[in-house]
Amino acid sequence: MSTVTGTWGPRRTGRARAVFPAWSVRDRLALTAGLAAPFLAALALVPFRTSLSHTNAALVLVVVVVAVAALGSRTAGVVAALSAAGWFDFFLTRPYETFDITASRDVETAVLLLVVGLIVSQLAARARRLEVITVTDAGYLSRIHRVAALDADTVVDEVRRELTDLLGLTACRFQYGTLLGQPPRLRNDGSVTVGRRSWDVDTAGWPEGEIELRVHGNARYLGRFMLTPGPGRVPPLQARLVAATLADQTGAALDTSGPAG
């Protein structure tokens, strides 16, 4: 797909090329930090492992996981949590420099370290998403407020109109409870995937064909908006995050009274 740089980013001017861009530099650095930072922190604690309690050592590693999750991505945070639990076991529990744990208390500490790290990663990702939405302009916020006041009878049609305008779509339709095929997907964090691969929408533009934006209510899949991108510029991350928030609000409204097909 050829692109023209504009205020919103690349312009959709032709057929999308079947290219799956690699991870961004920021994502690579975050993943590297997720692997290396817990290792280095655990290694730095080795001289003190006989005098430092395992609880305090685990807290130090939790701080590292929090830092990686806050500055990186959800995936990097998860990697950091797994890395922290593994190196805690390897360097700081007996028998040292093995992945065996003999004391049940140390097993509990390692498991709690992993669980806390995973939870922190999710919270950090959600906090970043809310932060981006907080700093968006009043036009974005007004869309969220309008949809929040709607009920299940009107929310789908209104959100279809909002998404069409917000994302510059040529068409937008809603499918109740249908999950056929594997179209490209607009995710809750504003990213786009094609199959199992990440698609760098800010660089390559929208992928070819319809894009799904799934709707869940109370952790149940309820349906999806099928988005047909227009020929204009790709909307910024803030707009895509607002679109995901509108889908969440749709799910909350439909879950309350059930979809009216």
C-alpha atoms as a PDB file:
ATOM      1  CA  MET A   1       0.000   0.000   0.000  1.00  0.00           C
ATOM      2  CA  SER A   2       1.392   3.396  -0.896  1.00  0.00           C
ATOM      3  CA  THR A   3       1.068   6.027   1.782  1.00  0.00           C
ATOM      4  CA  VAL A   4       1.080   9.814   1.973  1.00  0.00           C
ATOM      5  CA  THR A   5       2.195  11.373   5.226  1.00  0.00           C
ATOM      6  CA  GLY A   6      -0.308  13.748   6.766  1.00  0.00           C
ATOM      7  CA  THR A   7      -1.511  15.172  10.054  1.00  0.00           C
ATOM      8  CA  TRP A   8      -2.902  11.818  11.197  1.00  0.00           C
ATOM      9  CA  GLY A   9      -0.171   9.660   9.697  1.00  0.00           C
ATOM     10  CA  PRO A  10      -0.021   7.573   6.514  1.00  0.00           C
ATOM     11  CA  ARG A  11      -2.853   7.923   4.034  1.00  0.00           C
ATOM     12  CA  ARG A  12      -4.636   4.847   2.682  1.00  0.00           C
ATOM     13  CA  THR A  13      -4.200   5.256  -1.069  1.00  0.00           C
ATOM     14  CA  GLY A  14      -4.277   1.763  -2.523  1.00  0.00           C
ATOM     15  CA  ARG A  15      -4.239  -1.925  -1.880  1.00  0.00           C
ATOM     16  CA  ALA A  16      -2.444  -2.861   1.352  1.00  0.00           C
ATOM     17  CA  ARG A  17       0.737  -4.839   0.867  1.00  0.00           C
ATOM     18  CA  ALA A  18       0.911  -8.188   2.671  1.00  0.00           C
ATOM     19  CA  VAL A  19       3.669  -7.000   4.973  1.00  0.00           C
ATOM     20  CA  PHE A  20       3.846  -7.770   8.680  1.00  0.00           C
ATOM     21  CA  PRO A  21       6.122  -5.168  10.251  1.00  0.00           C
ATOM     22  CA  ALA A  22       8.499  -6.250  12.964  1.00  0.00           C
ATOM     23  CA  TRP A  23       8.250  -5.160  16.565  1.00  0.00           C
ATOM     24  CA  SER A  24       8.971  -1.471  17.064  1.00  0.00           C
ATOM     25  CA  VAL A  25      12.244  -0.376  18.626  1.00  0.00           C
ATOM     26  CA  ARG A  26      10.400   0.575  21.800  1.00  0.00           C
ATOM     27  CA  ASP A  27       8.779  -2.861  22.049  1.00  0.00           C
ATOM     28  CA  ARG A  28      12.121  -4.581  21.529  1.00  0.00           C
ATOM     29  CA  LEU A  29      13.792  -2.481  24.198  1.00  0.00           C
ATOM     30  CA  ALA A  30      10.921  -3.150  26.610  1.00  0.00           C
ATOM     31  CA  LEU A  31      11.129  -6.909  26.035  1.00  0.00           C
ATOM     32  CA  THR A  32      14.896  -6.830  26.473  1.00  0.00           C
ATOM     33  CA  ALA A  33      14.458  -4.954  29.737  1.00  0.00           C
ATOM     34  CA  GLY A  34      11.826  -7.474  30.819  1.00  0.00           C
ATOM     35  CA  LEU A  35      14.343 -10.282  30.381  1.00  0.00           C
ATOM     36  CA  ALA A  36      17.505  -8.551  31.582  1.00  0.00           C
ATOM     37  CA  ALA A  37      16.421  -6.216  34.395  1.00  0.00           C
ATOM     38  CA  PRO A  38      15.175  -8.942  36.806  1.00  0.00           C
ATOM     39  CA  PHE A  39      18.299 -11.007  36.053  1.00  0.00           C
ATOM     40  CA  LEU A  40      20.618  -8.088  36.865  1.00  0.00           C
ATOM     41  CA  ALA A  41      18.640  -7.187  39.998  1.00  0.00           C
ATOM     42  CA  ALA A  42      18.712 -10.768  41.280  1.00  0.00           C
ATOM     43  CA  LEU A  43      22.413 -11.021  40.470  1.00  0.00           C
ATOM     44  CA  ALA A  44      23.073  -7.806  42.417  1.00  0.00           C
ATOM     45  CA  LEU A  45      21.346  -9.327  45.464  1.00  0.00           C
ATOM     46  CA  VAL A  46      23.521 -12.452  45.473  1.00  0.00           C
ATOM     47  CA  PRO A  47      26.126 -11.044  47.935  1.00  0.00           C
ATOM     48  CA  PHE A  48      23.321 -10.320  50.396  1.00  0.00           C
ATOM     49  CA  ARG A  49      21.237 -13.477  49.957  1.00  0.00           C
ATOM     50  CA  THR A  50      22.268 -14.991  53.285  1.00  0.00           C
ATOM     51  CA  SER A  51      21.374 -11.855  55.259  1.00  0.00           C
ATOM     52  CA  LEU A  52      18.469 -10.491  53.194  1.00  0.00           C
ATOM     53  CA  SER A  53      15.089 -12.102  53.800  1.00  0.00           C
ATOM     54  CA  HIS A  54      13.450 -13.694  50.818  1.00  0.00           C
ATOM     55  CA  THR A  55      10.426 -11.451  51.251  1.00  0.00           C
ATOM     56  CA  ASN A  56      12.548  -8.316  50.943  1.00  0.00           C
ATOM     57  CA  ALA A  57      14.387  -9.751  47.945  1.00  0.00           C
ATOM     58  CA  ALA A  58      11.062 -10.502  46.276  1.00  0.00           C
ATOM     59  CA  LEU A  59       9.917  -6.922  46.941  1.00  0.00           C
ATOM     60  CA  VAL A  60      13.011  -5.589  45.199  1.00  0.00           C
ATOM     61  CA  LEU A  61      12.206  -7.715  42.156  1.00  0.00           C
ATOM     62  CA  VAL A  62       8.574  -6.551  42.225  1.00  0.00           C
ATOM     63  CA  VAL A  63       9.829  -2.965  41.979  1.00  0.00           C
ATOM     64  CA  VAL A  64      11.805  -3.957  38.884  1.00  0.00           C
ATOM     65  CA  VAL A  65       8.739  -5.585  37.328  1.00  0.00           C
ATOM     66  CA  VAL A  66       6.648  -2.488  38.070  1.00  0.00           C
ATOM     67  CA  ALA A  67       9.250  -0.270  36.393  1.00  0.00           C
ATOM     68  CA  VAL A  68       9.365  -2.432  33.260  1.00  0.00           C
ATOM     69  CA  ALA A  69       5.565  -2.659  33.042  1.00  0.00           C
ATOM     70  CA  ALA A  70       5.117   1.087  33.563  1.00  0.00           C
ATOM     71  CA  LEU A  71       7.722   2.142  31.014  1.00  0.00           C
ATOM     72  CA  GLY A  72       7.275  -0.688  28.539  1.00  0.00           C
ATOM     73  CA  SER A  73       4.255  -2.733  27.528  1.00  0.00           C
ATOM     74  CA  ARG A  74       1.936  -5.377  28.965  1.00  0.00           C
ATOM     75  CA  THR A  75       3.918  -8.102  27.218  1.00  0.00           C
ATOM     76  CA  ALA A  76       7.192  -6.747  28.597  1.00  0.00           C
ATOM     77  CA  GLY A  77       5.674  -6.697  32.085  1.00  0.00           C
ATOM     78  CA  VAL A  78       4.598 -10.317  31.797  1.00  0.00           C
ATOM     79  CA  VAL A  79       8.070 -11.294  30.580  1.00  0.00           C
ATOM     80  CA  ALA A  80       9.593  -9.365  33.504  1.00  0.00           C
ATOM     81  CA  ALA A  81       7.328 -11.168  35.993  1.00  0.00           C
ATOM     82  CA  LEU A  82       8.320 -14.578  34.618  1.00  0.00           C
ATOM     83  CA  SER A  83      11.979 -13.588  34.550  1.00  0.00           C
ATOM     84  CA  ALA A  84      11.843 -12.260  38.121  1.00  0.00           C
ATOM     85  CA  ALA A  85      10.262 -15.456  39.454  1.00  0.00           C
ATOM     86  CA  GLY A  86      12.827 -17.611  37.636  1.00  0.00           C
ATOM     87  CA  TRP A  87      15.918 -15.686  38.753  1.00  0.00           C
ATOM     88  CA  PHE A  88      14.564 -15.373  42.294  1.00  0.00           C
ATOM     89  CA  ASP A  89      14.473 -19.160  42.355  1.00  0.00           C
ATOM     90  CA  PHE A  90      17.886 -19.537  40.699  1.00  0.00           C
ATOM     91  CA  PHE A  91      19.945 -17.017  42.658  1.00  0.00           C
ATOM     92  CA  LEU A  92      18.160 -16.383  45.949  1.00  0.00           C
ATOM     93  CA  THR A  93      16.703 -19.685  47.182  1.00  0.00           C
ATOM     94  CA  ARG A  94      18.419 -22.870  48.302  1.00  0.00           C
ATOM     95  CA  PRO A  95      19.879 -24.843  46.644  1.00  0.00           C
ATOM     96  CA  TYR A  96      21.530 -21.843  44.981  1.00  0.00           C
ATOM     97  CA  GLU A  97      22.057 -21.637  41.217  1.00  0.00           C
ATOM     98  CA  THR A  98      19.498 -24.292  40.434  1.00  0.00           C
ATOM     99  CA  PHE A  99      15.839 -24.034  39.579  1.00  0.00           C
ATOM    100  CA  ASP A 100      14.880 -26.266  42.514  1.00  0.00           C
ATOM    101  CA  ILE A 101      13.216 -24.957  45.678  1.00  0.00           C
ATOM    102  CA  THR A 102      13.255 -27.110  48.801  1.00  0.00           C
ATOM    103  CA  ALA A 103      11.451 -24.853  51.277  1.00  0.00           C
ATOM    104  CA  SER A 104       7.676 -24.540  50.923  1.00  0.00           C
ATOM    105  CA  ARG A 105       7.855 -20.922  52.131  1.00  0.00           C
ATOM    106  CA  ASP A 106      10.212 -20.089  49.274  1.00  0.00           C
ATOM    107  CA  VAL A 107       7.811 -21.727  46.824  1.00  0.00           C
ATOM    108  CA  GLU A 108       5.004 -19.518  48.125  1.00  0.00           C
ATOM    109  CA  THR A 109       7.191 -16.420  47.812  1.00  0.00           C
ATOM    110  CA  ALA A 110       8.147 -17.273  44.229  1.00  0.00           C
ATOM    111  CA  VAL A 111       4.530 -17.920  43.244  1.00  0.00           C
ATOM    112  CA  LEU A 112       3.380 -14.668  44.880  1.00  0.00           C
ATOM    113  CA  LEU A 113       6.161 -12.797  43.098  1.00  0.00           C
ATOM    114  CA  LEU A 114       4.945 -14.164  39.777  1.00  0.00           C
ATOM    115  CA  VAL A 115       1.263 -13.449  40.491  1.00  0.00           C
ATOM    116  CA  VAL A 116       1.921  -9.913  41.746  1.00  0.00           C
ATOM    117  CA  GLY A 117       4.125  -9.227  38.725  1.00  0.00           C
ATOM    118  CA  LEU A 118       1.418 -10.377  36.306  1.00  0.00           C
ATOM    119  CA  ILE A 119      -1.258  -8.305  38.049  1.00  0.00           C
ATOM    120  CA  VAL A 120       0.965  -5.223  38.083  1.00  0.00           C
ATOM    121  CA  SER A 121       1.605  -5.634  34.355  1.00  0.00           C
ATOM    122  CA  GLN A 122      -2.123  -5.616  33.617  1.00  0.00           C
ATOM    123  CA  LEU A 123      -2.728  -2.611  35.867  1.00  0.00           C
ATOM    124  CA  ALA A 124       0.145  -0.680  34.319  1.00  0.00           C
ATOM    125  CA  ALA A 125      -1.173  -1.332  30.807  1.00  0.00           C
ATOM    126  CA  ARG A 126      -4.653  -0.169  31.823  1.00  0.00           C
ATOM    127  CA  ALA A 127      -3.208   2.915  33.521  1.00  0.00           C
ATOM    128  CA  ARG A 128      -1.329   3.881  30.352  1.00  0.00           C
ATOM    129  CA  ARG A 129      -4.505   3.500  28.342  1.00  0.00           C
ATOM    130  CA  LEU A 130      -6.476   5.693  30.741  1.00  0.00           C
ATOM    131  CA  GLU A 131      -3.670   8.258  30.760  1.00  0.00           C
ATOM    132  CA  VAL A 132      -3.800   8.583  26.988  1.00  0.00           C
ATOM    133  CA  ILE A 133      -7.562   9.007  27.045  1.00  0.00           C
ATOM    134  CA  THR A 134      -7.321  11.572  29.848  1.00  0.00           C
ATOM    135  CA  VAL A 135      -5.166  13.884  27.774  1.00  0.00           C
ATOM    136  CA  THR A 136      -7.257  13.668  24.600  1.00  0.00           C
ATOM    137  CA  ASP A 137      -9.298  16.664  23.539  1.00  0.00           C
ATOM    138  CA  ALA A 138     -12.829  17.477  24.604  1.00  0.00           C
ATOM    139  CA  GLY A 139     -14.239  16.074  21.359  1.00  0.00           C
ATOM    140  CA  TYR A 140     -13.058  12.563  22.219  1.00  0.00           C
ATOM    141  CA  LEU A 141     -14.334  12.819  25.768  1.00  0.00           C
ATOM    142  CA  SER A 142     -17.730  14.076  24.633  1.00  0.00           C
ATOM    143  CA  ARG A 143     -18.156  10.946  22.502  1.00  0.00           C
ATOM    144  CA  ILE A 144     -17.489   8.745  25.525  1.00  0.00           C
ATOM    145  CA  HIS A 145     -19.931  10.730  27.672  1.00  0.00           C
ATOM    146  CA  ARG A 146     -22.689  10.579  25.044  1.00  0.00           C
ATOM    147  CA  VAL A 147     -22.425   6.818  24.651  1.00  0.00           C
ATOM    148  CA  ALA A 148     -22.263   6.242  28.423  1.00  0.00           C
ATOM    149  CA  ALA A 149     -25.818   7.556  28.751  1.00  0.00           C
ATOM    150  CA  LEU A 150     -27.306   5.216  26.116  1.00  0.00           C
ATOM    151  CA  ASP A 151     -29.233   2.004  26.690  1.00  0.00           C
ATOM    152  CA  ALA A 152     -29.082  -1.284  24.783  1.00  0.00           C
ATOM    153  CA  ASP A 153     -31.823  -0.217  22.354  1.00  0.00           C
ATOM    154  CA  THR A 154     -29.837   2.671  20.918  1.00  0.00           C
ATOM    155  CA  VAL A 155     -26.189   2.069  21.799  1.00  0.00           C
ATOM    156  CA  VAL A 156     -25.226  -0.039  18.782  1.00  0.00           C
ATOM    157  CA  ASP A 157     -26.512   2.397  16.158  1.00  0.00           C
ATOM    158  CA  GLU A 158     -25.044   5.395  17.965  1.00  0.00           C
ATOM    159  CA  VAL A 159     -21.627   3.757  18.397  1.00  0.00           C
ATOM    160  CA  ARG A 160     -21.651   2.766  14.714  1.00  0.00           C
ATOM    161  CA  ARG A 161     -22.084   6.435  13.822  1.00  0.00           C
ATOM    162  CA  GLU A 162     -19.440   7.517  16.315  1.00  0.00           C
ATOM    163  CA  LEU A 163     -16.912   4.978  15.030  1.00  0.00           C
ATOM    164  CA  THR A 164     -17.564   5.941  11.417  1.00  0.00           C
ATOM    165  CA  ASP A 165     -16.840   9.575  12.168  1.00  0.00           C
ATOM    166  CA  LEU A 166     -14.034   8.979  14.673  1.00  0.00           C
ATOM    167  CA  LEU A 167     -12.013   6.567  12.494  1.00  0.00           C
ATOM    168  CA  GLY A 168     -12.937   7.970   9.095  1.00  0.00           C
ATOM    169  CA  LEU A 169     -14.695   4.772   7.986  1.00  0.00           C
ATOM    170  CA  THR A 170     -16.615   4.213   4.778  1.00  0.00           C
ATOM    171  CA  ALA A 171     -18.841   1.647   6.505  1.00  0.00           C
ATOM    172  CA  CYS A 172     -19.415   0.137   9.924  1.00  0.00           C
ATOM    173  CA  ARG A 173     -21.738  -2.734  10.816  1.00  0.00           C
ATOM    174  CA  PHE A 174     -22.348  -4.800  13.925  1.00  0.00           C
ATOM    175  CA  GLN A 175     -22.554  -8.592  14.142  1.00  0.00           C
ATOM    176  CA  TYR A 176     -24.224 -10.109  17.187  1.00  0.00           C
ATOM    177  CA  GLY A 177     -22.484 -13.183  18.567  1.00  0.00           C
ATOM    178  CA  THR A 178     -20.608 -14.016  15.371  1.00  0.00           C
ATOM    179  CA  LEU A 179     -16.974 -15.018  15.196  1.00  0.00           C
ATOM    180  CA  LEU A 180     -16.374 -16.219  11.635  1.00  0.00           C
ATOM    181  CA  GLY A 181     -13.042 -16.012   9.889  1.00  0.00           C
ATOM    182  CA  GLN A 182      -9.947 -14.198  11.083  1.00  0.00           C
ATOM    183  CA  PRO A 183     -10.176 -10.596   9.892  1.00  0.00           C
ATOM    184  CA  PRO A 184      -7.652  -8.025  11.082  1.00  0.00           C
ATOM    185  CA  ARG A 185      -8.483  -6.864  14.625  1.00  0.00           C
ATOM    186  CA  LEU A 186      -8.386  -3.512  16.348  1.00  0.00           C
ATOM    187  CA  ARG A 187      -7.422  -4.345  19.930  1.00  0.00           C
ATOM    188  CA  ASN A 188      -8.197  -2.623  23.215  1.00  0.00           C
ATOM    189  CA  ASP A 189      -4.756  -1.021  23.400  1.00  0.00           C
ATOM    190  CA  GLY A 190      -5.226   0.636  19.988  1.00  0.00           C
ATOM    191  CA  SER A 191      -2.943  -1.787  18.161  1.00  0.00           C
ATOM    192  CA  VAL A 192      -3.922  -3.814  15.098  1.00  0.00           C
ATOM    193  CA  THR A 193      -3.171  -7.468  14.460  1.00  0.00           C
ATOM    194  CA  VAL A 194      -3.520  -9.568  11.311  1.00  0.00           C
ATOM    195  CA  GLY A 195      -3.845 -13.199  12.310  1.00  0.00           C
ATOM    196  CA  ARG A 196      -1.283 -13.661  15.059  1.00  0.00           C
ATOM    197  CA  ARG A 197       1.060 -10.978  13.778  1.00  0.00           C
ATOM    198  CA  SER A 198       1.285  -7.360  14.828  1.00  0.00           C
ATOM    199  CA  TRP A 199       0.497  -4.813  12.115  1.00  0.00           C
ATOM    200  CA  ASP A 200       2.202  -1.418  12.434  1.00  0.00           C
ATOM    201  CA  VAL A 201      -0.820   0.631  11.446  1.00  0.00           C
ATOM    202  CA  ASP A 202       0.929   3.953  12.104  1.00  0.00           C
ATOM    203  CA  THR A 203       3.565   3.122   9.488  1.00  0.00           C
ATOM    204  CA  ALA A 204       1.829   0.806   7.024  1.00  0.00           C
ATOM    205  CA  GLY A 205      -1.730   2.148   7.249  1.00  0.00           C
ATOM    206  CA  TRP A 206      -4.832   0.023   7.699  1.00  0.00           C
ATOM    207  CA  PRO A 207      -4.642  -3.590   6.481  1.00  0.00           C
ATOM    208  CA  GLU A 208      -6.799  -4.629   3.559  1.00  0.00           C
ATOM    209  CA  GLY A 209     -10.471  -5.477   4.101  1.00  0.00           C
ATOM    210  CA  GLU A 210     -12.775  -5.163   7.085  1.00  0.00           C
ATOM    211  CA  ILE A 211     -11.328  -4.861  10.588  1.00  0.00           C
ATOM    212  CA  GLU A 212     -13.104  -6.254  13.627  1.00  0.00           C
ATOM    213  CA  LEU A 213     -13.513  -4.490  16.953  1.00  0.00           C
ATOM    214  CA  ARG A 214     -14.808  -7.032  19.438  1.00  0.00           C
ATOM    215  CA  VAL A 215     -17.411  -6.269  22.079  1.00  0.00           C
ATOM    216  CA  HIS A 216     -17.438  -8.003  25.454  1.00  0.00           C
ATOM    217  CA  GLY A 217     -19.744  -7.629  28.433  1.00  0.00           C
ATOM    218  CA  ASN A 218     -18.818  -9.062  31.805  1.00  0.00           C
ATOM    219  CA  ALA A 219     -16.059 -11.119  30.113  1.00  0.00           C
ATOM    220  CA  ARG A 220     -18.578 -12.610  27.628  1.00  0.00           C
ATOM    221  CA  TYR A 221     -18.200 -12.183  23.886  1.00  0.00           C
ATOM    222  CA  LEU A 222     -21.310 -10.408  22.582  1.00  0.00           C
ATOM    223  CA  GLY A 223     -20.453  -9.408  19.040  1.00  0.00           C
ATOM    224  CA  ARG A 224     -18.180  -7.202  16.996  1.00  0.00           C
ATOM    225  CA  PHE A 225     -18.129  -4.031  14.960  1.00  0.00           C
ATOM    226  CA  MET A 226     -16.850  -4.624  11.435  1.00  0.00           C
ATOM    227  CA  LEU A 227     -14.946  -1.544  10.295  1.00  0.00           C
ATOM    228  CA  THR A 228     -14.281  -0.623   6.663  1.00  0.00           C
ATOM    229  CA  PRO A 229     -11.479   1.977   6.643  1.00  0.00           C
ATOM    230  CA  GLY A 230     -11.843   4.981   4.382  1.00  0.00           C
ATOM    231  CA  PRO A 231      -9.241   6.412   1.994  1.00  0.00           C
ATOM    232  CA  GLY A 232      -8.181   9.100   4.445  1.00  0.00           C
ATOM    233  CA  ARG A 233      -5.381   9.189   6.966  1.00  0.00           C
ATOM    234  CA  VAL A 234      -5.062   6.584   9.706  1.00  0.00           C
ATOM    235  CA  PRO A 235      -6.461   8.007  12.980  1.00  0.00           C
ATOM    236  CA  PRO A 236      -3.995   8.507  15.841  1.00  0.00           C
ATOM    237  CA  LEU A 237      -3.610   6.168  18.777  1.00  0.00           C
ATOM    238  CA  GLN A 238      -5.840   8.365  20.929  1.00  0.00           C
ATOM    239  CA  ALA A 239      -8.728   7.967  18.494  1.00  0.00           C
ATOM    240  CA  ARG A 240      -8.234   4.200  18.330  1.00  0.00           C
ATOM    241  CA  LEU A 241      -8.221   4.000  22.137  1.00  0.00           C
ATOM    242  CA  VAL A 242     -11.457   5.978  22.267  1.00  0.00           C
ATOM    243  CA  ALA A 243     -12.932   3.541  19.718  1.00  0.00           C
ATOM    244  CA  ALA A 244     -11.997   0.640  22.001  1.00  0.00           C
ATOM    245  CA  THR A 245     -13.601   2.451  24.944  1.00  0.00           C
ATOM    246  CA  LEU A 246     -16.809   2.922  22.938  1.00  0.00           C
ATOM    247  CA  ALA A 247     -16.818  -0.817  22.222  1.00  0.00           C
ATOM    248  CA  ASP A 248     -16.423  -1.493  25.963  1.00  0.00           C
ATOM    249  CA  GLN A 249     -19.370   0.783  26.718  1.00  0.00           C
ATOM    250  CA  THR A 250     -21.421  -1.018  24.077  1.00  0.00           C
ATOM    251  CA  GLY A 251     -20.633  -4.325  25.769  1.00  0.00           C
ATOM    252  CA  ALA A 252     -21.656  -2.965  29.173  1.00  0.00           C
ATOM    253  CA  ALA A 253     -24.976  -1.726  27.815  1.00  0.00           C
ATOM    254  CA  LEU A 254     -25.754  -4.936  25.921  1.00  0.00           C
ATOM    255  CA  ASP A 255     -24.773  -7.107  28.865  1.00  0.00           C
ATOM    256  CA  THR A 256     -27.279  -5.313  31.098  1.00  0.00           C
ATOM    257  CA  SER A 257     -30.343  -6.094  29.021  1.00  0.00           C
ATOM    258  CA  GLY A 258     -29.067  -8.583  26.460  1.00  0.00           C
ATOM    259  CA  PRO A 259     -28.599  -7.949  22.732  1.00  0.00           C
ATOM    260  CA  ALA A 260     -31.677  -6.977  20.782  1.00  0.00           C
ATOM    261  CA  GLY A 261     -30.840  -8.551  17.439  1.00  0.00           C
END
